[in-house]
Amino acid sequence: MRVMNEVRLAYLDGASGLAGDMLLGAVIAAGVPPQLLERRLTRALHLTGWRFETKQVLRQGLPAVHVSVVGDRVLPSLAPWLPLIPWWMSLGDRWGSPS
């Protein structure tokens, strides 16, 4: 018996821009555990003292996940870290458990 690997793809049309909180909400709604994102971003960006707050909401009658980034201080702009987007997208099958 041959087992096929499941492939998950996300297409982002960023022609008019992407809001970070909306992108995070979509990624979490798609099944990536927020704790996993927090751990990986903490390691990759070398930032501490922050966390995600998530809640289920309705937007235009559609279910969504609202994400806020809360911290114990003002965090610097993440613009210099945009080259990490390929890493972000490579989470794919490696989402694993949030432990």
C-alpha atoms as a PDB file:
ATOM      1  CA  MET A   1       0.000   0.000   0.000  1.00  0.00           C
ATOM      2  CA  ARG A   2       1.380   3.398  -0.988  1.00  0.00           C
ATOM      3  CA  VAL A   3       0.764   6.346   1.328  1.00  0.00           C
ATOM      4  CA  MET A   4       0.652   9.785  -0.232  1.00  0.00           C
ATOM      5  CA  ASN A   5       1.859  12.751   1.804  1.00  0.00           C
ATOM      6  CA  GLU A   6      -0.708  15.437   2.401  1.00  0.00           C
ATOM      7  CA  VAL A   7       0.313  18.777   0.934  1.00  0.00           C
ATOM      8  CA  ARG A   8      -1.061  22.034   2.272  1.00  0.00           C
ATOM      9  CA  LEU A   9      -0.735  25.150   0.178  1.00  0.00           C
ATOM     10  CA  ALA A  10      -1.657  28.742   0.846  1.00  0.00           C
ATOM     11  CA  TYR A  11      -1.864  31.287  -1.930  1.00  0.00           C
ATOM     12  CA  LEU A  12      -1.443  34.885  -0.831  1.00  0.00           C
ATOM     13  CA  ASP A  13      -2.340  37.676  -3.210  1.00  0.00           C
ATOM     14  CA  GLY A  14      -0.468  40.545  -1.648  1.00  0.00           C
ATOM     15  CA  ALA A  15      -0.843  42.963  -4.556  1.00  0.00           C
ATOM     16  CA  SER A  16      -2.636  45.467  -2.340  1.00  0.00           C
ATOM     17  CA  GLY A  17      -0.866  44.505   0.850  1.00  0.00           C
ATOM     18  CA  LEU A  18      -1.428  42.100   3.716  1.00  0.00           C
ATOM     19  CA  ALA A  19      -2.264  43.100   7.259  1.00  0.00           C
ATOM     20  CA  GLY A  20      -0.083  41.186   9.706  1.00  0.00           C
ATOM     21  CA  ASP A  21      -2.847  40.527  12.212  1.00  0.00           C
ATOM     22  CA  MET A  22      -5.159  39.269   9.470  1.00  0.00           C
ATOM     23  CA  LEU A  23      -2.458  37.004   8.060  1.00  0.00           C
ATOM     24  CA  LEU A  24      -1.720  35.610  11.528  1.00  0.00           C
ATOM     25  CA  GLY A  25      -5.440  35.036  12.088  1.00  0.00           C
ATOM     26  CA  ALA A  26      -5.757  33.171   8.786  1.00  0.00           C
ATOM     27  CA  VAL A  27      -2.728  30.988   9.538  1.00  0.00           C
ATOM     28  CA  ILE A  28      -4.077  30.133  12.999  1.00  0.00           C
ATOM     29  CA  ALA A  29      -7.582  29.507  11.623  1.00  0.00           C
ATOM     30  CA  ALA A  30      -6.003  27.128   9.098  1.00  0.00           C
ATOM     31  CA  GLY A  31      -4.725  25.023  11.972  1.00  0.00           C
ATOM     32  CA  VAL A  32      -1.277  26.249  12.998  1.00  0.00           C
ATOM     33  CA  PRO A  33      -1.229  26.357  16.818  1.00  0.00           C
ATOM     34  CA  PRO A  34      -0.551  29.900  18.118  1.00  0.00           C
ATOM     35  CA  GLN A  35       1.891  28.497  20.695  1.00  0.00           C
ATOM     36  CA  LEU A  36       3.991  27.007  17.899  1.00  0.00           C
ATOM     37  CA  LEU A  37       4.088  30.316  16.028  1.00  0.00           C
ATOM     38  CA  GLU A  38       5.057  32.118  19.232  1.00  0.00           C
ATOM     39  CA  ARG A  39       7.931  29.712  19.905  1.00  0.00           C
ATOM     40  CA  ARG A  40       9.274  29.827  16.367  1.00  0.00           C
ATOM     41  CA  LEU A  41       9.001  33.590  16.035  1.00  0.00           C
ATOM     42  CA  THR A  42      10.620  34.090  19.449  1.00  0.00           C
ATOM     43  CA  ARG A  43      13.591  31.983  18.320  1.00  0.00           C
ATOM     44  CA  ALA A  44      13.825  33.462  14.816  1.00  0.00           C
ATOM     45  CA  LEU A  45      13.409  37.120  15.827  1.00  0.00           C
ATOM     46  CA  HIS A  46      15.190  36.942  19.204  1.00  0.00           C
ATOM     47  CA  LEU A  47      12.293  38.810  20.848  1.00  0.00           C
ATOM     48  CA  THR A  48      10.925  37.992  24.278  1.00  0.00           C
ATOM     49  CA  GLY A  49       8.190  39.374  26.492  1.00  0.00           C
ATOM     50  CA  TRP A  50       5.295  39.027  24.059  1.00  0.00           C
ATOM     51  CA  ARG A  51       2.485  36.630  23.211  1.00  0.00           C
ATOM     52  CA  PHE A  52      -0.550  36.247  20.966  1.00  0.00           C
ATOM     53  CA  GLU A  53      -4.093  36.748  22.191  1.00  0.00           C
ATOM     54  CA  THR A  54      -6.624  35.080  19.918  1.00  0.00           C
ATOM     55  CA  LYS A  55     -10.413  35.024  19.850  1.00  0.00           C
ATOM     56  CA  GLN A  56     -13.058  33.712  17.505  1.00  0.00           C
ATOM     57  CA  VAL A  57     -14.990  36.541  15.807  1.00  0.00           C
ATOM     58  CA  LEU A  58     -17.456  37.124  12.975  1.00  0.00           C
ATOM     59  CA  ARG A  59     -16.407  39.446  10.147  1.00  0.00           C
ATOM     60  CA  GLN A  60     -19.101  40.248   7.590  1.00  0.00           C
ATOM     61  CA  GLY A  61     -20.923  37.160   8.851  1.00  0.00           C
ATOM     62  CA  LEU A  62     -17.906  34.876   8.361  1.00  0.00           C
ATOM     63  CA  PRO A  63     -16.020  33.163  11.183  1.00  0.00           C
ATOM     64  CA  ALA A  64     -12.460  34.388  11.673  1.00  0.00           C
ATOM     65  CA  VAL A  65      -9.675  34.465  14.244  1.00  0.00           C
ATOM     66  CA  HIS A  66      -8.690  37.870  15.601  1.00  0.00           C
ATOM     67  CA  VAL A  67      -5.060  38.050  16.743  1.00  0.00           C
ATOM     68  CA  SER A  68      -3.453  40.675  18.949  1.00  0.00           C
ATOM     69  CA  VAL A  69       0.220  40.763  19.832  1.00  0.00           C
ATOM     70  CA  VAL A  70       0.629  41.811  23.454  1.00  0.00           C
ATOM     71  CA  GLY A  71       3.880  42.499  25.186  1.00  0.00           C
ATOM     72  CA  ASP A  72       5.461  44.041  28.222  1.00  0.00           C
ATOM     73  CA  ARG A  73       7.026  46.802  26.091  1.00  0.00           C
ATOM     74  CA  VAL A  74       6.781  48.412  22.667  1.00  0.00           C
ATOM     75  CA  LEU A  75       8.164  45.982  20.111  1.00  0.00           C
ATOM     76  CA  PRO A  76      10.348  47.176  17.234  1.00  0.00           C
ATOM     77  CA  SER A  77       9.121  47.140  13.657  1.00  0.00           C
ATOM     78  CA  LEU A  78       9.279  43.710  12.077  1.00  0.00           C
ATOM     79  CA  ALA A  79       9.900  45.133   8.592  1.00  0.00           C
ATOM     80  CA  PRO A  80      13.595  44.094   8.626  1.00  0.00           C
ATOM     81  CA  TRP A  81      12.433  40.510   9.177  1.00  0.00           C
ATOM     82  CA  LEU A  82      10.317  40.277   6.009  1.00  0.00           C
ATOM     83  CA  PRO A  83      12.930  38.014   4.381  1.00  0.00           C
ATOM     84  CA  LEU A  84      11.742  35.363   6.871  1.00  0.00           C
ATOM     85  CA  ILE A  85       8.510  34.933   4.879  1.00  0.00           C
ATOM     86  CA  PRO A  86       9.919  31.866   3.059  1.00  0.00           C
ATOM     87  CA  TRP A  87      10.668  30.340   6.488  1.00  0.00           C
ATOM     88  CA  TRP A  88       7.148  31.206   7.643  1.00  0.00           C
ATOM     89  CA  MET A  89       5.637  29.508   4.612  1.00  0.00           C
ATOM     90  CA  SER A  90       7.850  26.446   5.086  1.00  0.00           C
ATOM     91  CA  LEU A  91       5.982  25.583   8.305  1.00  0.00           C
ATOM     92  CA  GLY A  92       3.767  23.400   6.104  1.00  0.00           C
ATOM     93  CA  ASP A  93       3.904  19.796   7.205  1.00  0.00           C
ATOM     94  CA  ARG A  94       6.200  20.617  10.130  1.00  0.00           C
ATOM     95  CA  TRP A  95       3.504  22.256  12.245  1.00  0.00           C
ATOM     96  CA  GLY A  96       3.638  19.398  14.685  1.00  0.00           C
ATOM     97  CA  SER A  97       2.254  19.687  18.157  1.00  0.00           C
ATOM     98  CA  PRO A  98       2.366  22.918  20.169  1.00  0.00           C
ATOM     99  CA  SER A  99       4.551  21.333  22.861  1.00  0.00           C
END
